[in-house]
C-alpha atoms as a PDB file:
ATOM      1  CA  MET A   1      68.883  70.369 112.760  1.00  0.00           C
ATOM      2  CA  ALA A   2      71.001  72.594 114.957  1.00  0.00           C
ATOM      3  CA  LYS A   3      68.820  74.017 117.725  1.00  0.00           C
ATOM      4  CA  ALA A   4      69.499  77.059 119.832  1.00  0.00           C
ATOM      5  CA  PRO A   5      69.509  76.245 123.554  1.00  0.00           C
ATOM      6  CA  ASN A   6      65.959  75.822 124.897  1.00  0.00           C
ATOM      7  CA  GLU A   7      64.432  77.239 121.734  1.00  0.00           C
ATOM      8  CA  LYS A   8      62.634  76.057 118.648  1.00  0.00           C
ATOM      9  CA  PHE A   9      65.046  77.884 116.367  1.00  0.00           C
ATOM     10  CA  GLU A  10      67.507  76.226 114.004  1.00  0.00           C
ATOM     11  CA  THR A  11      70.735  77.537 112.511  1.00  0.00           C
ATOM     12  CA  ALA A  12      71.996  77.856 108.944  1.00  0.00           C
ATOM     13  CA  VAL A  13      75.394  79.240 107.901  1.00  0.00           C
ATOM     14  CA  PHE A  14      75.956  80.563 104.387  1.00  0.00           C
ATOM     15  CA  ALA A  15      78.685  82.479 102.562  1.00  0.00           C
ATOM     16  CA  GLY A  16      77.641  84.185  99.356  1.00  0.00           C
ATOM     17  CA  GLY A  17      80.005  87.092  98.878  1.00  0.00           C
ATOM     18  CA  CYS A  18      79.967  90.202 101.010  1.00  0.00           C
ATOM     19  CA  PHE A  19      78.159  89.605 104.287  1.00  0.00           C
ATOM     20  CA  TRP A  20      76.548  93.052 104.083  1.00  0.00           C
ATOM     21  CA  CYS A  21      74.513  91.741 101.117  1.00  0.00           C
ATOM     22  CA  THR A  22      73.619  88.361 102.538  1.00  0.00           C
ATOM     23  CA  GLU A  23      72.736  89.822 105.944  1.00  0.00           C
ATOM     24  CA  ALA A  24      70.326  92.350 104.410  1.00  0.00           C
ATOM     25  CA  THR A  25      68.758  89.664 102.232  1.00  0.00           C
ATOM     26  CA  PHE A  26      68.022  87.146 104.962  1.00  0.00           C
ATOM     27  CA  GLN A  27      66.892  89.798 107.457  1.00  0.00           C
ATOM     28  CA  MET A  28      63.861  90.395 105.219  1.00  0.00           C
ATOM     29  CA  LEU A  29      62.515  86.862 105.558  1.00  0.00           C
ATOM     30  CA  LYS A  30      59.619  85.700 107.702  1.00  0.00           C
ATOM     31  CA  GLY A  31      60.679  83.346 110.461  1.00  0.00           C
ATOM     32  CA  VAL A  32      64.256  84.615 110.648  1.00  0.00           C
ATOM     33  CA  LYS A  33      65.066  85.495 114.252  1.00  0.00           C
ATOM     34  CA  SER A  34      68.587  86.816 113.654  1.00  0.00           C
ATOM     35  CA  VAL A  35      71.282  87.160 111.023  1.00  0.00           C
ATOM     36  CA  ILE A  36      74.801  87.580 112.315  1.00  0.00           C
ATOM     37  CA  PRO A  37      77.683  88.523 110.002  1.00  0.00           C
ATOM     38  CA  GLY A  38      80.985  86.824 110.658  1.00  0.00           C
ATOM     39  CA  TYR A  39      83.801  84.640 109.464  1.00  0.00           C
ATOM     40  CA  THR A  40      84.025  80.868 109.154  1.00  0.00           C
ATOM     41  CA  GLY A  41      85.704  78.105 107.206  1.00  0.00           C
ATOM     42  CA  GLY A  42      89.297  79.144 107.836  1.00  0.00           C
ATOM     43  CA  MET A  43      92.282  78.278 109.954  1.00  0.00           C
ATOM     44  CA  MET A  44      92.865  81.399 112.035  1.00  0.00           C
ATOM     45  CA  GLU A  45      91.259  81.747 115.460  1.00  0.00           C
ATOM     46  CA  LYS A  46      89.346  84.959 116.180  1.00  0.00           C
ATOM     47  CA  PRO A  47      90.087  86.688 112.874  1.00  0.00           C
ATOM     48  CA  ASN A  48      89.168  90.312 112.276  1.00  0.00           C
ATOM     49  CA  TYR A  49      87.904  92.013 109.129  1.00  0.00           C
ATOM     50  CA  SER A  50      91.326  93.254 108.081  1.00  0.00           C
ATOM     51  CA  GLU A  51      92.831  89.766 108.369  1.00  0.00           C
ATOM     52  CA  VAL A  52      89.966  88.074 106.498  1.00  0.00           C
ATOM     53  CA  SER A  53      90.026  90.765 103.795  1.00  0.00           C
ATOM     54  CA  ASN A  54      93.604  89.899 102.850  1.00  0.00           C
ATOM     55  CA  GLY A  55      92.387  86.420 101.831  1.00  0.00           C
ATOM     56  CA  LYS A  56      95.037  84.540 103.793  1.00  0.00           C
ATOM     57  CA  THR A  57      92.987  83.284 106.777  1.00  0.00           C
ATOM     58  CA  GLY A  58      90.910  80.823 104.751  1.00  0.00           C
ATOM     59  CA  HIS A  59      87.730  82.299 106.232  1.00  0.00           C
ATOM     60  CA  ALA A  60      84.751  83.385 104.171  1.00  0.00           C
ATOM     61  CA  GLU A  61      82.558  86.352 104.968  1.00  0.00           C
ATOM     62  CA  SER A  62      79.508  84.468 106.212  1.00  0.00           C
ATOM     63  CA  ILE A  63      76.198  84.824 107.970  1.00  0.00           C
ATOM     64  CA  LYS A  64      74.727  82.724 110.735  1.00  0.00           C
ATOM     65  CA  ILE A  65      70.943  82.624 110.511  1.00  0.00           C
ATOM     66  CA  GLU A  66      68.676  81.624 113.375  1.00  0.00           C
ATOM     67  CA  TYR A  67      65.247  80.752 112.033  1.00  0.00           C
ATOM     68  CA  ASP A  68      61.943  79.195 113.010  1.00  0.00           C
ATOM     69  CA  PRO A  69      61.463  76.070 110.863  1.00  0.00           C
ATOM     70  CA  THR A  70      57.697  76.199 111.459  1.00  0.00           C
ATOM     71  CA  VAL A  71      57.661  79.510 109.540  1.00  0.00           C
ATOM     72  CA  ILE A  72      60.460  79.112 106.972  1.00  0.00           C
ATOM     73  CA  SER A  73      62.163  75.894 105.927  1.00  0.00           C
ATOM     74  CA  TYR A  74      65.832  75.176 105.320  1.00  0.00           C
ATOM     75  CA  ASP A  75      64.816  74.435 101.713  1.00  0.00           C
ATOM     76  CA  ASP A  76      63.399  77.962 101.422  1.00  0.00           C
ATOM     77  CA  LEU A  77      66.606  79.415 102.852  1.00  0.00           C
ATOM     78  CA  LEU A  78      68.635  77.432 100.305  1.00  0.00           C
ATOM     79  CA  SER A  79      66.394  78.654  97.499  1.00  0.00           C
ATOM     80  CA  VAL A  80      66.855  82.278  98.553  1.00  0.00           C
ATOM     81  CA  PHE A  81      70.598  81.723  98.910  1.00  0.00           C
ATOM     82  CA  PHE A  82      70.983  80.345  95.378  1.00  0.00           C
ATOM     83  CA  ASN A  83      68.798  83.040  93.850  1.00  0.00           C
ATOM     84  CA  THR A  84      70.410  86.085  95.445  1.00  0.00           C
ATOM     85  CA  HIS A  85      74.061  85.575  94.551  1.00  0.00           C
ATOM     86  CA  ASP A  86      75.980  83.982  91.684  1.00  0.00           C
ATOM     87  CA  PRO A  87      76.842  80.434  92.790  1.00  0.00           C
ATOM     88  CA  THR A  88      78.799  79.826  89.563  1.00  0.00           C
ATOM     89  CA  THR A  89      81.706  82.187  90.183  1.00  0.00           C
ATOM     90  CA  LEU A  90      84.672  80.803  92.082  1.00  0.00           C
ATOM     91  CA  ASN A  91      85.908  83.100  94.847  1.00  0.00           C
ATOM     92  CA  ARG A  92      84.039  86.104  93.547  1.00  0.00           C
ATOM     93  CA  GLN A  93      80.802  88.041  93.830  1.00  0.00           C
ATOM     94  CA  ASP A  94      80.403  91.139  91.683  1.00  0.00           C
ATOM     95  CA  ARG A  95      83.518  93.269  92.234  1.00  0.00           C
ATOM     96  CA  ASP A  96      84.488  91.442  95.431  1.00  0.00           C
ATOM     97  CA  VAL A  97      87.268  88.970  94.599  1.00  0.00           C
ATOM     98  CA  GLY A  98      89.066  86.447  96.799  1.00  0.00           C
ATOM     99  CA  THR A  99      88.426  83.240  98.723  1.00  0.00           C
ATOM    100  CA  GLN A 100      86.756  85.293 101.454  1.00  0.00           C
ATOM    101  CA  TYR A 101      83.892  85.919  98.974  1.00  0.00           C
ATOM    102  CA  ARG A 102      83.376  82.303  97.940  1.00  0.00           C
ATOM    103  CA  SER A 103      79.986  80.633  97.751  1.00  0.00           C
ATOM    104  CA  SER A 104      79.687  78.124 100.603  1.00  0.00           C
ATOM    105  CA  ILE A 105      77.160  76.296 102.700  1.00  0.00           C
ATOM    106  CA  PHE A 106      78.372  75.225 106.133  1.00  0.00           C
ATOM    107  CA  TYR A 107      76.105  72.414 107.292  1.00  0.00           C
ATOM    108  CA  SER A 108      75.533  71.421 110.908  1.00  0.00           C
ATOM    109  CA  ASN A 109      74.028  67.982 110.275  1.00  0.00           C
ATOM    110  CA  GLU A 110      73.584  65.297 107.635  1.00  0.00           C
ATOM    111  CA  GLU A 111      70.121  66.533 106.617  1.00  0.00           C
ATOM    112  CA  GLN A 112      71.429  70.016 105.791  1.00  0.00           C
ATOM    113  CA  LYS A 113      74.314  68.475 103.858  1.00  0.00           C
ATOM    114  CA  GLN A 114      72.012  66.221 101.820  1.00  0.00           C
ATOM    115  CA  LYS A 115      69.592  69.047 101.043  1.00  0.00           C
ATOM    116  CA  ALA A 116      72.385  71.374  99.926  1.00  0.00           C
ATOM    117  CA  GLU A 117      74.127  68.751  97.793  1.00  0.00           C
ATOM    118  CA  GLY A 118      70.803  67.608  96.351  1.00  0.00           C
ATOM    119  CA  LEU A 119      69.831  71.111  95.313  1.00  0.00           C
ATOM    120  CA  ILE A 120      73.229  71.759  93.739  1.00  0.00           C
ATOM    121  CA  LYS A 121      72.921  68.520  91.769  1.00  0.00           C
ATOM    122  CA  LYS A 122      69.418  69.490  90.623  1.00  0.00           C
ATOM    123  CA  LEU A 123      70.551  72.995  89.603  1.00  0.00           C
ATOM    124  CA  ASN A 124      73.468  71.585  87.608  1.00  0.00           C
ATOM    125  CA  GLU A 125      71.417  68.825  85.939  1.00  0.00           C
ATOM    126  CA  SER A 126      68.678  71.265  84.946  1.00  0.00           C
ATOM    127  CA  HIS A 127      71.225  73.816  83.669  1.00  0.00           C
ATOM    128  CA  ALA A 128      69.585  76.458  85.870  1.00  0.00           C
ATOM    129  CA  TYR A 129      72.693  78.591  85.304  1.00  0.00           C
ATOM    130  CA  ASP A 130      74.893  79.045  82.233  1.00  0.00           C
ATOM    131  CA  LYS A 131      77.825  77.575  84.170  1.00  0.00           C
ATOM    132  CA  PRO A 132      78.076  74.848  86.832  1.00  0.00           C
ATOM    133  CA  VAL A 133      77.391  75.734  90.460  1.00  0.00           C
ATOM    134  CA  VAL A 134      80.688  75.925  92.368  1.00  0.00           C
ATOM    135  CA  THR A 135      79.203  76.413  95.832  1.00  0.00           C
ATOM    136  CA  GLU A 136      81.129  74.322  98.332  1.00  0.00           C
ATOM    137  CA  VAL A 137      79.294  72.295 100.965  1.00  0.00           C
ATOM    138  CA  LYS A 138      81.397  71.905 104.095  1.00  0.00           C
ATOM    139  CA  PRO A 139      80.819  70.953 107.726  1.00  0.00           C
ATOM    140  CA  SER A 140      80.325  73.903 110.066  1.00  0.00           C
ATOM    141  CA  THR A 141      83.412  75.121 111.815  1.00  0.00           C
ATOM    142  CA  GLU A 142      83.872  77.803 114.446  1.00  0.00           C
ATOM    143  CA  PHE A 143      81.889  80.925 113.543  1.00  0.00           C
ATOM    144  CA  TYR A 144      83.494  84.210 114.564  1.00  0.00           C
ATOM    145  CA  GLU A 145      81.137  87.152 114.825  1.00  0.00           C
ATOM    146  CA  ALA A 146      82.156  90.209 112.805  1.00  0.00           C
ATOM    147  CA  GLU A 147      82.922  93.543 114.372  1.00  0.00           C
ATOM    148  CA  ASP A 148      79.928  95.624 115.510  1.00  0.00           C
ATOM    149  CA  TYR A 149      80.122  98.094 112.608  1.00  0.00           C
ATOM    150  CA  HIS A 150      79.325  95.250 110.171  1.00  0.00           C
ATOM    151  CA  HIS A 151      76.045  94.386 111.908  1.00  0.00           C
ATOM    152  CA  ASP A 152      72.928  95.781 110.216  1.00  0.00           C
ATOM    153  CA  TYR A 153      75.163  97.504 107.687  1.00  0.00           C
ATOM    154  CA  TYR A 154      72.456  98.075 105.081  1.00  0.00           C
ATOM    155  CA  LYS A 155      69.901  99.217 107.657  1.00  0.00           C
ATOM    156  CA  ASN A 156      72.397 101.647 109.159  1.00  0.00           C
ATOM    157  CA  ASN A 157      73.860 102.912 105.861  1.00  0.00           C
ATOM    158  CA  PRO A 158      71.106 102.864 103.205  1.00  0.00           C
ATOM    159  CA  GLY A 159      72.558 105.884 101.418  1.00  0.00           C
ATOM    160  CA  ASP A 160      76.034 104.375 101.114  1.00  0.00           C
ATOM    161  CA  ALA A 161      77.074 103.912  97.463  1.00  0.00           C
ATOM    162  CA  TYR A 162      77.739 100.177  97.948  1.00  0.00           C
ATOM    163  CA  CYS A 163      74.297  99.768  99.491  1.00  0.00           C
ATOM    164  CA  GLN A 164      72.622 101.579  96.622  1.00  0.00           C
ATOM    165  CA  ILE A 165      74.581  99.996  93.774  1.00  0.00           C
ATOM    166  CA  VAL A 166      75.034  96.415  95.023  1.00  0.00           C
ATOM    167  CA  ILE A 167      72.659  95.604  97.903  1.00  0.00           C
ATOM    168  CA  ALA A 168      69.471  97.452  96.906  1.00  0.00           C
ATOM    169  CA  PRO A 169      69.147  95.639  93.535  1.00  0.00           C
ATOM    170  CA  LYS A 170      69.563  92.273  95.301  1.00  0.00           C
ATOM    171  CA  LEU A 171      66.785  93.177  97.719  1.00  0.00           C
ATOM    172  CA  GLU A 172      64.508  94.237  94.853  1.00  0.00           C
ATOM    173  CA  LYS A 173      65.149  90.895  93.145  1.00  0.00           C
ATOM    174  CA  LEU A 174      64.366  89.090  96.402  1.00  0.00           C
ATOM    175  CA  GLN A 175      61.088  90.978  96.815  1.00  0.00           C
ATOM    176  CA  LYS A 176      59.974  90.130  93.277  1.00  0.00           C
ATOM    177  CA  ARG A 177      60.940  86.478  93.358  1.00  0.00           C
ATOM    178  CA  PHE A 178      60.200  85.551  96.984  1.00  0.00           C
ATOM    179  CA  ASN A 179      57.430  87.927  98.017  1.00  0.00           C
ATOM    180  CA  LYS A 180      55.598  85.155  99.932  1.00  0.00           C
ATOM    181  CA  LEU A 181      58.662  84.698 102.162  1.00  0.00           C
ATOM    182  CA  ILE A 182      59.186  88.407 102.909  1.00  0.00           C
ATOM    183  CA  GLU A 183      58.285  89.830 106.319  1.00  0.00           C
ATOM    184  CA  GLN A 184      55.527  92.377 105.671  1.00  0.00           C
END
């Protein structure tokens, strides 16, 4: 697993639609040290929000999670990921449409790749969803941190309409389904 320098933490990188939603979701979990919104998976170096939003950079809105594997496992992170967004819609989450909102897992080693592909296979074989999972599993590429105003968006803007209509219901679902993983 990818380790932070001189630390016991590991890294996971996911894209599941708007990074405001995924950031808020994973920030609630025990054992998560940090969740950083950003851009990855594209061709452009040092993209900004405006460039990624036009869908032409190839980057996805993503989050980089640093976590303590003695508290929360990569398997648990994958489970939360697949249960808090729709992994069956290609290049879309809710009203957000475009390749920048695709469902992706960016693995940093063979173990992460195998776990992600194995879970996708299991979800498809068990017909866990009405449609096949379209989440892509790709090797990690350069991760570009998003602009400061995207960090802690839900925490800083809980009254925002997007936060109330889109993010809050996802967090309620997370609390009901994964209560044992939630930081109390």
